[in-house]
Amino acid sequence: MALIVFAFVPINALAQPTPSYPAQSIRLYVGSVPGASSDTYARIISEPLGKVLGQSMVIENRSGASGIIATSNMINLPADGYTLQLIYTPHTLSPYLFKKLNYDPIKDIAGISMLLTSPLVLVVGGNSPVKTYQELVELGKTRPLNYGSAGVGSGGHLSGEMLRIQTGMNLTHVPYRGAAPAATAVAAGDVDFAFVAQITAKELTSANKLRLLGVTSKVRSPALPQIPTMQEYGLKDFEFLNWFGLIASAKTPPDIIKKIHRAVIEVLKQPDIKARLTADGSEIIGNGPEQFTQFLVTDTKRWGPMISQMGLKGD
């Protein structure tokens, strides 16, 4: 009986094709407040990426806990490619910083592409009496200093701890909900200094509210050729580059991941987008899903011993 009924079912009813991806707008989670480097990069790529994919992209800022809130939200939604996330450096540190992490930062996500890497800049307030790196170190010998960052495990936090370890200064970390608030706190004199992305510091620096003292890349940034590197100040092996990448939930169909990746590469090759992304000295990467996923695995293993040495803990 079942076979007879099956024989009379129209073929179209047996194999309804799924709508081609994407058939609706795509959400892009960012784990920081507006104005932070990750938010800025997301806004640079989101519109052209939406155009290539044929749908609009809507940015949702889910700040807090160094991106953990955003990732937790993303992986609890359907793995259909309609919710993506722009992650950055703290993603691979989270297992060592937060004991109650409710997801695996490697197994529960699917890498799409590392977008770019970017050095940080050491900044003090425009009204600060500190004019040079040497003066900052001298000030640190007379009293404890506070430094701001985008949160526990952020690039600014790690760079500050590297500075503390190499100089022996008495430093206290003050985390904010993003790099933009941290930079604003430096400008207001609420903290003594911070390491922030160049793209975050640019507006405040132009307004003379921040003063640049150093850059965390191995060589001087093409965007700031007059600013010495931390290694030039005698800090051996002091190098730090923030990285930024695009991910989806782990069970997202591979063909969707590939389609998004192809669109990302097309966007990164556009001359105007490339110019905007690299204007602050950043370097475009644009690798594949496999390469980015392998980087996440390697980076997670790399930071374990260093986190223990620094004695860092999340909230």
C-alpha atoms as a PDB file:
ATOM      1  CA  MET A   1       0.000   0.000   0.000  1.00  0.00           C
ATOM      2  CA  ALA A   2       2.788   2.393   0.945  1.00  0.00           C
ATOM      3  CA  LEU A   3       4.604   1.736  -2.312  1.00  0.00           C
ATOM      4  CA  ILE A   4       1.428   2.329  -4.310  1.00  0.00           C
ATOM      5  CA  VAL A   5       0.772   5.653  -2.582  1.00  0.00           C
ATOM      6  CA  PHE A   6       4.440   6.646  -2.985  1.00  0.00           C
ATOM      7  CA  ALA A   7       4.206   5.952  -6.718  1.00  0.00           C
ATOM      8  CA  PHE A   8       1.444   8.498  -7.150  1.00  0.00           C
ATOM      9  CA  VAL A   9       3.163  11.312  -5.214  1.00  0.00           C
ATOM     10  CA  PRO A  10       4.321  14.026  -7.641  1.00  0.00           C
ATOM     11  CA  ILE A  11       8.088  14.115  -8.096  1.00  0.00           C
ATOM     12  CA  ASN A  12       8.206  17.834  -7.203  1.00  0.00           C
ATOM     13  CA  ALA A  13       6.634  17.073  -3.843  1.00  0.00           C
ATOM     14  CA  LEU A  14       9.248  14.420  -3.065  1.00  0.00           C
ATOM     15  CA  ALA A  15      12.326  16.618  -3.511  1.00  0.00           C
ATOM     16  CA  GLN A  16      11.545  20.190  -2.643  1.00  0.00           C
ATOM     17  CA  PRO A  17      14.745  22.142  -3.218  1.00  0.00           C
ATOM     18  CA  THR A  18      15.994  24.226  -0.299  1.00  0.00           C
ATOM     19  CA  PRO A  19      16.194  27.973  -0.961  1.00  0.00           C
ATOM     20  CA  SER A  20      19.564  29.017  -2.366  1.00  0.00           C
ATOM     21  CA  TYR A  21      21.795  30.669   0.215  1.00  0.00           C
ATOM     22  CA  PRO A  22      21.398  33.428   1.144  1.00  0.00           C
ATOM     23  CA  ALA A  23      17.647  33.943   0.924  1.00  0.00           C
ATOM     24  CA  GLN A  24      17.468  36.554   3.699  1.00  0.00           C
ATOM     25  CA  SER A  25      19.613  39.121   5.492  1.00  0.00           C
ATOM     26  CA  ILE A  26      22.657  37.949   7.442  1.00  0.00           C
ATOM     27  CA  ARG A  27      23.512  38.968  10.992  1.00  0.00           C
ATOM     28  CA  LEU A  28      27.128  39.737  11.803  1.00  0.00           C
ATOM     29  CA  TYR A  29      27.892  39.621  15.519  1.00  0.00           C
ATOM     30  CA  VAL A  30      30.698  41.799  16.871  1.00  0.00           C
ATOM     31  CA  GLY A  31      31.838  41.259  20.443  1.00  0.00           C
ATOM     32  CA  SER A  32      32.729  44.904  21.070  1.00  0.00           C
ATOM     33  CA  VAL A  33      31.144  48.330  21.290  1.00  0.00           C
ATOM     34  CA  PRO A  34      30.841  50.637  18.248  1.00  0.00           C
ATOM     35  CA  GLY A  35      34.125  52.378  17.504  1.00  0.00           C
ATOM     36  CA  ALA A  36      36.386  49.489  18.512  1.00  0.00           C
ATOM     37  CA  SER A  37      38.733  48.114  15.866  1.00  0.00           C
ATOM     38  CA  SER A  38      36.729  44.894  15.388  1.00  0.00           C
ATOM     39  CA  ASP A  39      33.539  46.921  14.985  1.00  0.00           C
ATOM     40  CA  THR A  40      35.222  49.298  12.527  1.00  0.00           C
ATOM     41  CA  TYR A  41      36.557  46.472  10.368  1.00  0.00           C
ATOM     42  CA  ALA A  42      33.160  44.754  10.458  1.00  0.00           C
ATOM     43  CA  ARG A  43      31.491  47.912   9.170  1.00  0.00           C
ATOM     44  CA  ILE A  44      34.068  48.282   6.394  1.00  0.00           C
ATOM     45  CA  ILE A  45      33.470  44.789   5.010  1.00  0.00           C
ATOM     46  CA  SER A  46      29.790  44.199   5.826  1.00  0.00           C
ATOM     47  CA  GLU A  47      28.173  46.320   3.111  1.00  0.00           C
ATOM     48  CA  PRO A  48      30.343  45.099   0.196  1.00  0.00           C
ATOM     49  CA  LEU A  49      30.127  41.522   1.498  1.00  0.00           C
ATOM     50  CA  GLY A  50      26.351  41.780   1.519  1.00  0.00           C
ATOM     51  CA  LYS A  51      26.408  43.062  -2.040  1.00  0.00           C
ATOM     52  CA  VAL A  52      28.525  40.156  -3.243  1.00  0.00           C
ATOM     53  CA  LEU A  53      26.264  37.651  -1.479  1.00  0.00           C
ATOM     54  CA  GLY A  54      23.119  39.407  -2.686  1.00  0.00           C
ATOM     55  CA  GLN A  55      21.663  40.141   0.746  1.00  0.00           C
ATOM     56  CA  SER A  56      22.035  42.877   3.339  1.00  0.00           C
ATOM     57  CA  MET A  57      24.236  42.329   6.392  1.00  0.00           C
ATOM     58  CA  VAL A  58      23.138  43.638   9.767  1.00  0.00           C
ATOM     59  CA  ILE A  59      25.767  44.249  12.453  1.00  0.00           C
ATOM     60  CA  GLU A  60      24.810  43.431  16.036  1.00  0.00           C
ATOM     61  CA  ASN A  61      27.163  44.533  18.807  1.00  0.00           C
ATOM     62  CA  ARG A  62      27.151  41.985  21.640  1.00  0.00           C
ATOM     63  CA  SER A  63      29.934  43.425  23.765  1.00  0.00           C
ATOM     64  CA  GLY A  64      31.313  42.040  26.997  1.00  0.00           C
ATOM     65  CA  ALA A  65      33.550  39.245  28.307  1.00  0.00           C
ATOM     66  CA  SER A  66      36.091  39.650  25.501  1.00  0.00           C
ATOM     67  CA  GLY A  67      33.713  38.390  22.796  1.00  0.00           C
ATOM     68  CA  ILE A  68      32.353  35.429  24.762  1.00  0.00           C
ATOM     69  CA  ILE A  69      28.822  36.851  24.929  1.00  0.00           C
ATOM     70  CA  ALA A  70      28.708  37.228  21.141  1.00  0.00           C
ATOM     71  CA  THR A  71      30.068  33.731  20.496  1.00  0.00           C
ATOM     72  CA  SER A  72      27.700  32.145  23.025  1.00  0.00           C
ATOM     73  CA  ASN A  73      24.752  33.779  21.279  1.00  0.00           C
ATOM     74  CA  MET A  74      25.912  32.754  17.821  1.00  0.00           C
ATOM     75  CA  ILE A  75      26.445  29.052  18.532  1.00  0.00           C
ATOM     76  CA  ASN A  76      23.012  28.772  20.170  1.00  0.00           C
ATOM     77  CA  LEU A  77      21.323  29.858  16.943  1.00  0.00           C
ATOM     78  CA  PRO A  78      20.656  27.635  13.904  1.00  0.00           C
ATOM     79  CA  ALA A  79      23.851  26.743  12.010  1.00  0.00           C
ATOM     80  CA  ASP A  80      22.464  27.953   8.700  1.00  0.00           C
ATOM     81  CA  GLY A  81      24.928  30.690   7.741  1.00  0.00           C
ATOM     82  CA  TYR A  82      22.565  33.509   8.646  1.00  0.00           C
ATOM     83  CA  THR A  83      24.489  34.427  11.798  1.00  0.00           C
ATOM     84  CA  LEU A  84      28.229  35.032  11.523  1.00  0.00           C
ATOM     85  CA  GLN A  85      30.736  36.599  13.888  1.00  0.00           C
ATOM     86  CA  LEU A  86      33.823  38.729  13.510  1.00  0.00           C
ATOM     87  CA  ILE A  87      36.220  37.471  16.183  1.00  0.00           C
ATOM     88  CA  TYR A  88      39.647  38.685  17.218  1.00  0.00           C
ATOM     89  CA  THR A  89      42.597  37.877  19.472  1.00  0.00           C
ATOM     90  CA  PRO A  90      40.829  36.991  22.779  1.00  0.00           C
ATOM     91  CA  HIS A  91      38.914  34.127  21.136  1.00  0.00           C
ATOM     92  CA  THR A  92      41.813  31.677  21.472  1.00  0.00           C
ATOM     93  CA  LEU A  93      42.673  32.811  25.002  1.00  0.00           C
ATOM     94  CA  SER A  94      39.206  32.247  26.446  1.00  0.00           C
ATOM     95  CA  PRO A  95      39.756  28.597  27.537  1.00  0.00           C
ATOM     96  CA  TYR A  96      42.575  29.718  29.846  1.00  0.00           C
ATOM     97  CA  LEU A  97      40.867  32.844  31.155  1.00  0.00           C
ATOM     98  CA  PHE A  98      37.311  31.699  31.818  1.00  0.00           C
ATOM     99  CA  LYS A  99      36.703  28.454  33.703  1.00  0.00           C
ATOM    100  CA  LYS A 100      32.952  28.456  33.032  1.00  0.00           C
ATOM    101  CA  LEU A 101      33.173  28.813  29.259  1.00  0.00           C
ATOM    102  CA  ASN A 102      30.032  27.179  27.850  1.00  0.00           C
ATOM    103  CA  TYR A 103      31.464  26.351  24.432  1.00  0.00           C
ATOM    104  CA  ASP A 104      34.642  25.048  22.818  1.00  0.00           C
ATOM    105  CA  PRO A 105      36.310  27.904  20.856  1.00  0.00           C
ATOM    106  CA  ILE A 106      37.585  25.416  18.273  1.00  0.00           C
ATOM    107  CA  LYS A 107      35.094  22.556  18.038  1.00  0.00           C
ATOM    108  CA  ASP A 108      31.944  24.691  18.202  1.00  0.00           C
ATOM    109  CA  ILE A 109      32.862  27.106  15.421  1.00  0.00           C
ATOM    110  CA  ALA A 110      33.747  26.935  11.737  1.00  0.00           C
ATOM    111  CA  GLY A 111      36.516  29.200  10.505  1.00  0.00           C
ATOM    112  CA  ILE A 112      35.810  31.120   7.317  1.00  0.00           C
ATOM    113  CA  SER A 113      38.842  33.383   6.908  1.00  0.00           C
ATOM    114  CA  MET A 114      41.334  35.457   8.843  1.00  0.00           C
ATOM    115  CA  LEU A 115      40.715  38.929   7.495  1.00  0.00           C
ATOM    116  CA  LEU A 116      43.750  40.884   8.672  1.00  0.00           C
ATOM    117  CA  THR A 117      46.343  41.471  11.371  1.00  0.00           C
ATOM    118  CA  SER A 118      47.045  44.802  13.018  1.00  0.00           C
ATOM    119  CA  PRO A 119      49.656  46.156  15.456  1.00  0.00           C
ATOM    120  CA  LEU A 120      48.711  48.196  18.507  1.00  0.00           C
ATOM    121  CA  VAL A 121      50.012  51.577  19.601  1.00  0.00           C
ATOM    122  CA  LEU A 122      51.067  52.647  23.081  1.00  0.00           C
ATOM    123  CA  VAL A 123      49.192  55.842  23.936  1.00  0.00           C
ATOM    124  CA  VAL A 124      49.028  58.355  26.771  1.00  0.00           C
ATOM    125  CA  GLY A 125      46.654  61.282  27.164  1.00  0.00           C
ATOM    126  CA  GLY A 126      47.215  64.456  25.208  1.00  0.00           C
ATOM    127  CA  ASN A 127      47.399  66.397  28.478  1.00  0.00           C
ATOM    128  CA  SER A 128      49.680  63.860  30.156  1.00  0.00           C
ATOM    129  CA  PRO A 129      53.079  65.147  31.333  1.00  0.00           C
ATOM    130  CA  VAL A 130      54.546  62.012  29.723  1.00  0.00           C
ATOM    131  CA  LYS A 131      55.990  62.890  26.330  1.00  0.00           C
ATOM    132  CA  THR A 132      58.131  59.826  25.606  1.00  0.00           C
ATOM    133  CA  TYR A 133      58.329  56.122  26.414  1.00  0.00           C
ATOM    134  CA  GLN A 134      61.341  56.781  28.659  1.00  0.00           C
ATOM    135  CA  GLU A 135      59.307  59.308  30.655  1.00  0.00           C
ATOM    136  CA  LEU A 136      56.536  56.717  31.075  1.00  0.00           C
ATOM    137  CA  VAL A 137      59.044  54.238  32.503  1.00  0.00           C
ATOM    138  CA  GLU A 138      60.485  56.900  34.811  1.00  0.00           C
ATOM    139  CA  LEU A 139      56.992  57.754  36.031  1.00  0.00           C
ATOM    140  CA  GLY A 140      56.413  54.070  36.668  1.00  0.00           C
ATOM    141  CA  LYS A 141      59.398  54.052  39.021  1.00  0.00           C
ATOM    142  CA  THR A 142      57.825  56.729  41.215  1.00  0.00           C
ATOM    143  CA  ARG A 143      54.309  55.323  41.546  1.00  0.00           C
ATOM    144  CA  PRO A 144      52.038  52.480  40.371  1.00  0.00           C
ATOM    145  CA  LEU A 145      50.430  53.047  36.961  1.00  0.00           C
ATOM    146  CA  ASN A 146      47.017  52.016  35.628  1.00  0.00           C
ATOM    147  CA  TYR A 147      46.471  50.938  32.047  1.00  0.00           C
ATOM    148  CA  GLY A 148      43.221  50.405  30.164  1.00  0.00           C
ATOM    149  CA  SER A 149      42.271  47.759  27.638  1.00  0.00           C
ATOM    150  CA  ALA A 150      39.338  46.405  25.640  1.00  0.00           C
ATOM    151  CA  GLY A 151      38.862  43.659  28.241  1.00  0.00           C
ATOM    152  CA  VAL A 152      40.460  40.609  29.802  1.00  0.00           C
ATOM    153  CA  GLY A 153      42.527  38.752  27.231  1.00  0.00           C
ATOM    154  CA  SER A 154      42.415  41.546  24.660  1.00  0.00           C
ATOM    155  CA  GLY A 155      45.493  42.614  22.747  1.00  0.00           C
ATOM    156  CA  GLY A 156      45.800  45.696  24.926  1.00  0.00           C
ATOM    157  CA  HIS A 157      45.709  43.540  28.048  1.00  0.00           C
ATOM    158  CA  LEU A 158      48.362  41.131  26.768  1.00  0.00           C
ATOM    159  CA  SER A 159      50.609  43.968  25.597  1.00  0.00           C
ATOM    160  CA  GLY A 160      50.295  45.678  28.976  1.00  0.00           C
ATOM    161  CA  GLU A 161      51.314  42.477  30.741  1.00  0.00           C
ATOM    162  CA  MET A 162      54.248  42.011  28.387  1.00  0.00           C
ATOM    163  CA  LEU A 163      55.341  45.542  29.294  1.00  0.00           C
ATOM    164  CA  ARG A 164      54.957  44.795  33.021  1.00  0.00           C
ATOM    165  CA  ILE A 165      57.019  41.613  32.808  1.00  0.00           C
ATOM    166  CA  GLN A 166      59.817  43.142  30.739  1.00  0.00           C
ATOM    167  CA  THR A 167      60.150  46.412  32.677  1.00  0.00           C
ATOM    168  CA  GLY A 168      59.174  45.347  36.193  1.00  0.00           C
ATOM    169  CA  MET A 169      56.819  48.318  36.515  1.00  0.00           C
ATOM    170  CA  ASN A 170      53.954  48.111  39.009  1.00  0.00           C
ATOM    171  CA  LEU A 171      50.974  48.107  36.657  1.00  0.00           C
ATOM    172  CA  THR A 172      47.269  47.605  37.322  1.00  0.00           C
ATOM    173  CA  HIS A 173      44.959  46.469  34.536  1.00  0.00           C
ATOM    174  CA  VAL A 174      41.636  48.312  34.115  1.00  0.00           C
ATOM    175  CA  PRO A 175      39.377  46.481  31.600  1.00  0.00           C
ATOM    176  CA  TYR A 176      36.704  48.313  29.616  1.00  0.00           C
ATOM    177  CA  ARG A 177      33.912  47.078  27.355  1.00  0.00           C
ATOM    178  CA  GLY A 178      35.914  47.732  24.220  1.00  0.00           C
ATOM    179  CA  ALA A 179      38.988  49.579  22.959  1.00  0.00           C
ATOM    180  CA  ALA A 180      37.115  52.806  22.241  1.00  0.00           C
ATOM    181  CA  PRO A 181      36.104  53.333  25.908  1.00  0.00           C
ATOM    182  CA  ALA A 182      39.656  52.424  26.957  1.00  0.00           C
ATOM    183  CA  ALA A 183      41.120  55.025  24.592  1.00  0.00           C
ATOM    184  CA  THR A 184      38.631  57.597  25.838  1.00  0.00           C
ATOM    185  CA  ALA A 185      39.648  56.812  29.420  1.00  0.00           C
ATOM    186  CA  VAL A 186      43.292  57.501  28.548  1.00  0.00           C
ATOM    187  CA  ALA A 187      42.335  60.799  26.912  1.00  0.00           C
ATOM    188  CA  ALA A 188      40.348  61.780  30.012  1.00  0.00           C
ATOM    189  CA  GLY A 189      43.195  60.890  32.360  1.00  0.00           C
ATOM    190  CA  ASP A 190      41.276  58.084  34.067  1.00  0.00           C
ATOM    191  CA  VAL A 191      44.136  55.669  33.333  1.00  0.00           C
ATOM    192  CA  ASP A 192      47.787  56.397  32.619  1.00  0.00           C
ATOM    193  CA  PHE A 193      48.153  54.620  29.287  1.00  0.00           C
ATOM    194  CA  ALA A 194      46.811  51.897  27.009  1.00  0.00           C
ATOM    195  CA  PHE A 195      47.711  49.769  24.024  1.00  0.00           C
ATOM    196  CA  VAL A 196      44.986  50.225  21.395  1.00  0.00           C
ATOM    197  CA  ALA A 197      44.554  49.670  17.678  1.00  0.00           C
ATOM    198  CA  GLN A 198      45.726  52.468  15.426  1.00  0.00           C
ATOM    199  CA  ILE A 199      42.302  52.714  13.840  1.00  0.00           C
ATOM    200  CA  THR A 200      40.776  53.220  17.302  1.00  0.00           C
ATOM    201  CA  ALA A 201      43.306  55.868  18.328  1.00  0.00           C
ATOM    202  CA  LYS A 202      43.256  57.772  15.050  1.00  0.00           C
ATOM    203  CA  GLU A 203      40.433  60.241  15.756  1.00  0.00           C
ATOM    204  CA  LEU A 204      41.563  61.048  19.299  1.00  0.00           C
ATOM    205  CA  THR A 205      45.168  61.402  18.143  1.00  0.00           C
ATOM    206  CA  SER A 206      44.132  63.802  15.374  1.00  0.00           C
ATOM    207  CA  ALA A 207      42.307  65.869  17.999  1.00  0.00           C
ATOM    208  CA  ASN A 208      45.463  65.906  20.172  1.00  0.00           C
ATOM    209  CA  LYS A 209      43.663  63.982  22.915  1.00  0.00           C
ATOM    210  CA  LEU A 210      46.071  61.063  22.661  1.00  0.00           C
ATOM    211  CA  ARG A 211      49.838  60.960  22.208  1.00  0.00           C
ATOM    212  CA  LEU A 212      51.479  57.994  20.447  1.00  0.00           C
ATOM    213  CA  LEU A 213      54.640  56.615  22.044  1.00  0.00           C
ATOM    214  CA  GLY A 214      55.280  53.243  20.420  1.00  0.00           C
ATOM    215  CA  VAL A 215      53.990  50.512  18.125  1.00  0.00           C
ATOM    216  CA  THR A 216      53.884  46.774  18.871  1.00  0.00           C
ATOM    217  CA  SER A 217      54.929  45.480  15.440  1.00  0.00           C
ATOM    218  CA  LYS A 218      58.438  44.133  14.813  1.00  0.00           C
ATOM    219  CA  VAL A 219      59.141  46.927  12.337  1.00  0.00           C
ATOM    220  CA  ARG A 220      57.720  50.426  12.181  1.00  0.00           C
ATOM    221  CA  SER A 221      54.232  50.757  10.795  1.00  0.00           C
ATOM    222  CA  PRO A 222      54.035  52.223   7.266  1.00  0.00           C
ATOM    223  CA  ALA A 223      51.136  54.330   8.544  1.00  0.00           C
ATOM    224  CA  LEU A 224      53.249  55.704  11.438  1.00  0.00           C
ATOM    225  CA  PRO A 225      56.865  55.716  10.245  1.00  0.00           C
ATOM    226  CA  GLN A 226      57.853  58.271  12.896  1.00  0.00           C
ATOM    227  CA  ILE A 227      56.738  56.095  15.827  1.00  0.00           C
ATOM    228  CA  PRO A 228      59.404  53.694  17.224  1.00  0.00           C
ATOM    229  CA  THR A 229      58.677  50.035  17.854  1.00  0.00           C
ATOM    230  CA  MET A 230      58.725  48.650  21.398  1.00  0.00           C
ATOM    231  CA  GLN A 231      61.776  46.617  20.407  1.00  0.00           C
ATOM    232  CA  GLU A 232      63.597  49.829  19.519  1.00  0.00           C
ATOM    233  CA  TYR A 233      63.102  50.834  23.150  1.00  0.00           C
ATOM    234  CA  GLY A 234      65.078  47.779  24.215  1.00  0.00           C
ATOM    235  CA  LEU A 235      62.181  45.408  24.931  1.00  0.00           C
ATOM    236  CA  LYS A 236      63.442  42.136  23.493  1.00  0.00           C
ATOM    237  CA  ASP A 237      60.975  40.137  21.371  1.00  0.00           C
ATOM    238  CA  PHE A 238      58.169  42.580  22.176  1.00  0.00           C
ATOM    239  CA  GLU A 239      55.823  42.019  19.266  1.00  0.00           C
ATOM    240  CA  PHE A 240      52.071  41.795  19.243  1.00  0.00           C
ATOM    241  CA  LEU A 241      49.617  41.747  16.359  1.00  0.00           C
ATOM    242  CA  ASN A 242      45.868  41.634  16.819  1.00  0.00           C
ATOM    243  CA  TRP A 243      44.155  39.323  14.349  1.00  0.00           C
ATOM    244  CA  PHE A 244      40.577  39.492  13.077  1.00  0.00           C
ATOM    245  CA  GLY A 245      38.593  36.732  11.415  1.00  0.00           C
ATOM    246  CA  LEU A 246      35.161  35.574  10.359  1.00  0.00           C
ATOM    247  CA  ILE A 247      33.482  32.465  11.789  1.00  0.00           C
ATOM    248  CA  ALA A 248      30.160  30.611  11.745  1.00  0.00           C
ATOM    249  CA  SER A 249      28.682  27.832  13.882  1.00  0.00           C
ATOM    250  CA  ALA A 250      30.456  24.476  13.571  1.00  0.00           C
ATOM    251  CA  LYS A 251      27.583  22.616  11.875  1.00  0.00           C
ATOM    252  CA  THR A 252      27.099  25.185   9.127  1.00  0.00           C
ATOM    253  CA  PRO A 253      26.982  23.316   5.778  1.00  0.00           C
ATOM    254  CA  PRO A 254      30.403  23.303   4.067  1.00  0.00           C
ATOM    255  CA  ASP A 255      28.989  24.657   0.805  1.00  0.00           C
ATOM    256  CA  ILE A 256      27.702  27.728   2.664  1.00  0.00           C
ATOM    257  CA  ILE A 257      31.095  28.232   4.331  1.00  0.00           C
ATOM    258  CA  LYS A 258      32.775  28.030   0.912  1.00  0.00           C
ATOM    259  CA  LYS A 259      30.342  30.517  -0.613  1.00  0.00           C
ATOM    260  CA  ILE A 260      30.910  33.031   2.178  1.00  0.00           C
ATOM    261  CA  HIS A 261      34.669  32.537   1.919  1.00  0.00           C
ATOM    262  CA  ARG A 262      34.658  33.211  -1.827  1.00  0.00           C
ATOM    263  CA  ALA A 263      32.663  36.376  -1.213  1.00  0.00           C
ATOM    264  CA  VAL A 264      35.071  37.518   1.527  1.00  0.00           C
ATOM    265  CA  ILE A 265      38.090  37.077  -0.748  1.00  0.00           C
ATOM    266  CA  GLU A 266      36.337  39.020  -3.494  1.00  0.00           C
ATOM    267  CA  VAL A 267      35.668  41.875  -1.053  1.00  0.00           C
ATOM    268  CA  LEU A 268      39.236  41.920   0.290  1.00  0.00           C
ATOM    269  CA  LYS A 269      40.537  42.337  -3.262  1.00  0.00           C
ATOM    270  CA  GLN A 270      38.442  45.432  -3.943  1.00  0.00           C
ATOM    271  CA  PRO A 271      40.887  48.398  -4.129  1.00  0.00           C
ATOM    272  CA  ASP A 272      38.800  50.787  -2.014  1.00  0.00           C
ATOM    273  CA  ILE A 273      38.163  48.197   0.705  1.00  0.00           C
ATOM    274  CA  LYS A 274      41.805  47.168   0.709  1.00  0.00           C
ATOM    275  CA  ALA A 275      42.857  50.801   1.090  1.00  0.00           C
ATOM    276  CA  ARG A 276      40.476  51.370   4.014  1.00  0.00           C
ATOM    277  CA  LEU A 277      41.550  48.219   5.830  1.00  0.00           C
ATOM    278  CA  THR A 278      45.272  48.894   5.489  1.00  0.00           C
ATOM    279  CA  ALA A 279      45.233  52.659   6.090  1.00  0.00           C
ATOM    280  CA  ASP A 280      46.215  52.115   9.737  1.00  0.00           C
ATOM    281  CA  GLY A 281      49.103  49.762   8.972  1.00  0.00           C
ATOM    282  CA  SER A 282      47.064  46.562   9.055  1.00  0.00           C
ATOM    283  CA  GLU A 283      47.909  43.675   6.727  1.00  0.00           C
ATOM    284  CA  ILE A 284      45.226  41.780   4.824  1.00  0.00           C
ATOM    285  CA  ILE A 285      45.471  37.982   5.163  1.00  0.00           C
ATOM    286  CA  GLY A 286      42.412  36.415   3.498  1.00  0.00           C
ATOM    287  CA  ASN A 287      43.308  32.755   4.042  1.00  0.00           C
ATOM    288  CA  GLY A 288      40.994  29.756   3.626  1.00  0.00           C
ATOM    289  CA  PRO A 289      38.706  28.019   6.140  1.00  0.00           C
ATOM    290  CA  GLU A 290      41.183  25.190   6.746  1.00  0.00           C
ATOM    291  CA  GLN A 291      44.138  27.519   7.244  1.00  0.00           C
ATOM    292  CA  PHE A 292      42.200  29.813   9.572  1.00  0.00           C
ATOM    293  CA  THR A 293      40.893  26.895  11.631  1.00  0.00           C
ATOM    294  CA  GLN A 294      44.422  25.493  11.948  1.00  0.00           C
ATOM    295  CA  PHE A 295      45.659  28.906  13.075  1.00  0.00           C
ATOM    296  CA  LEU A 296      43.011  28.958  15.809  1.00  0.00           C
ATOM    297  CA  VAL A 297      44.167  25.532  17.022  1.00  0.00           C
ATOM    298  CA  THR A 298      47.838  26.585  17.038  1.00  0.00           C
ATOM    299  CA  ASP A 299      47.166  29.950  18.659  1.00  0.00           C
ATOM    300  CA  THR A 300      45.141  28.348  21.444  1.00  0.00           C
ATOM    301  CA  LYS A 301      48.055  26.027  22.279  1.00  0.00           C
ATOM    302  CA  ARG A 302      50.542  28.882  22.049  1.00  0.00           C
ATOM    303  CA  TRP A 303      48.887  31.099  24.632  1.00  0.00           C
ATOM    304  CA  GLY A 304      48.385  28.500  27.368  1.00  0.00           C
ATOM    305  CA  PRO A 305      51.870  28.711  28.942  1.00  0.00           C
ATOM    306  CA  MET A 306      52.039  32.494  28.461  1.00  0.00           C
ATOM    307  CA  ILE A 307      48.718  33.052  30.213  1.00  0.00           C
ATOM    308  CA  SER A 308      49.980  31.041  33.169  1.00  0.00           C
ATOM    309  CA  GLN A 309      53.219  33.041  33.248  1.00  0.00           C
ATOM    310  CA  MET A 310      51.302  36.313  33.207  1.00  0.00           C
ATOM    311  CA  GLY A 311      48.921  35.087  35.893  1.00  0.00           C
ATOM    312  CA  LEU A 312      45.884  36.270  33.968  1.00  0.00           C
ATOM    313  CA  LYS A 313      42.347  35.316  34.944  1.00  0.00           C
ATOM    314  CA  GLY A 314      38.936  36.257  33.576  1.00  0.00           C
ATOM    315  CA  ASP A 315      35.885  37.258  35.565  1.00  0.00           C
END
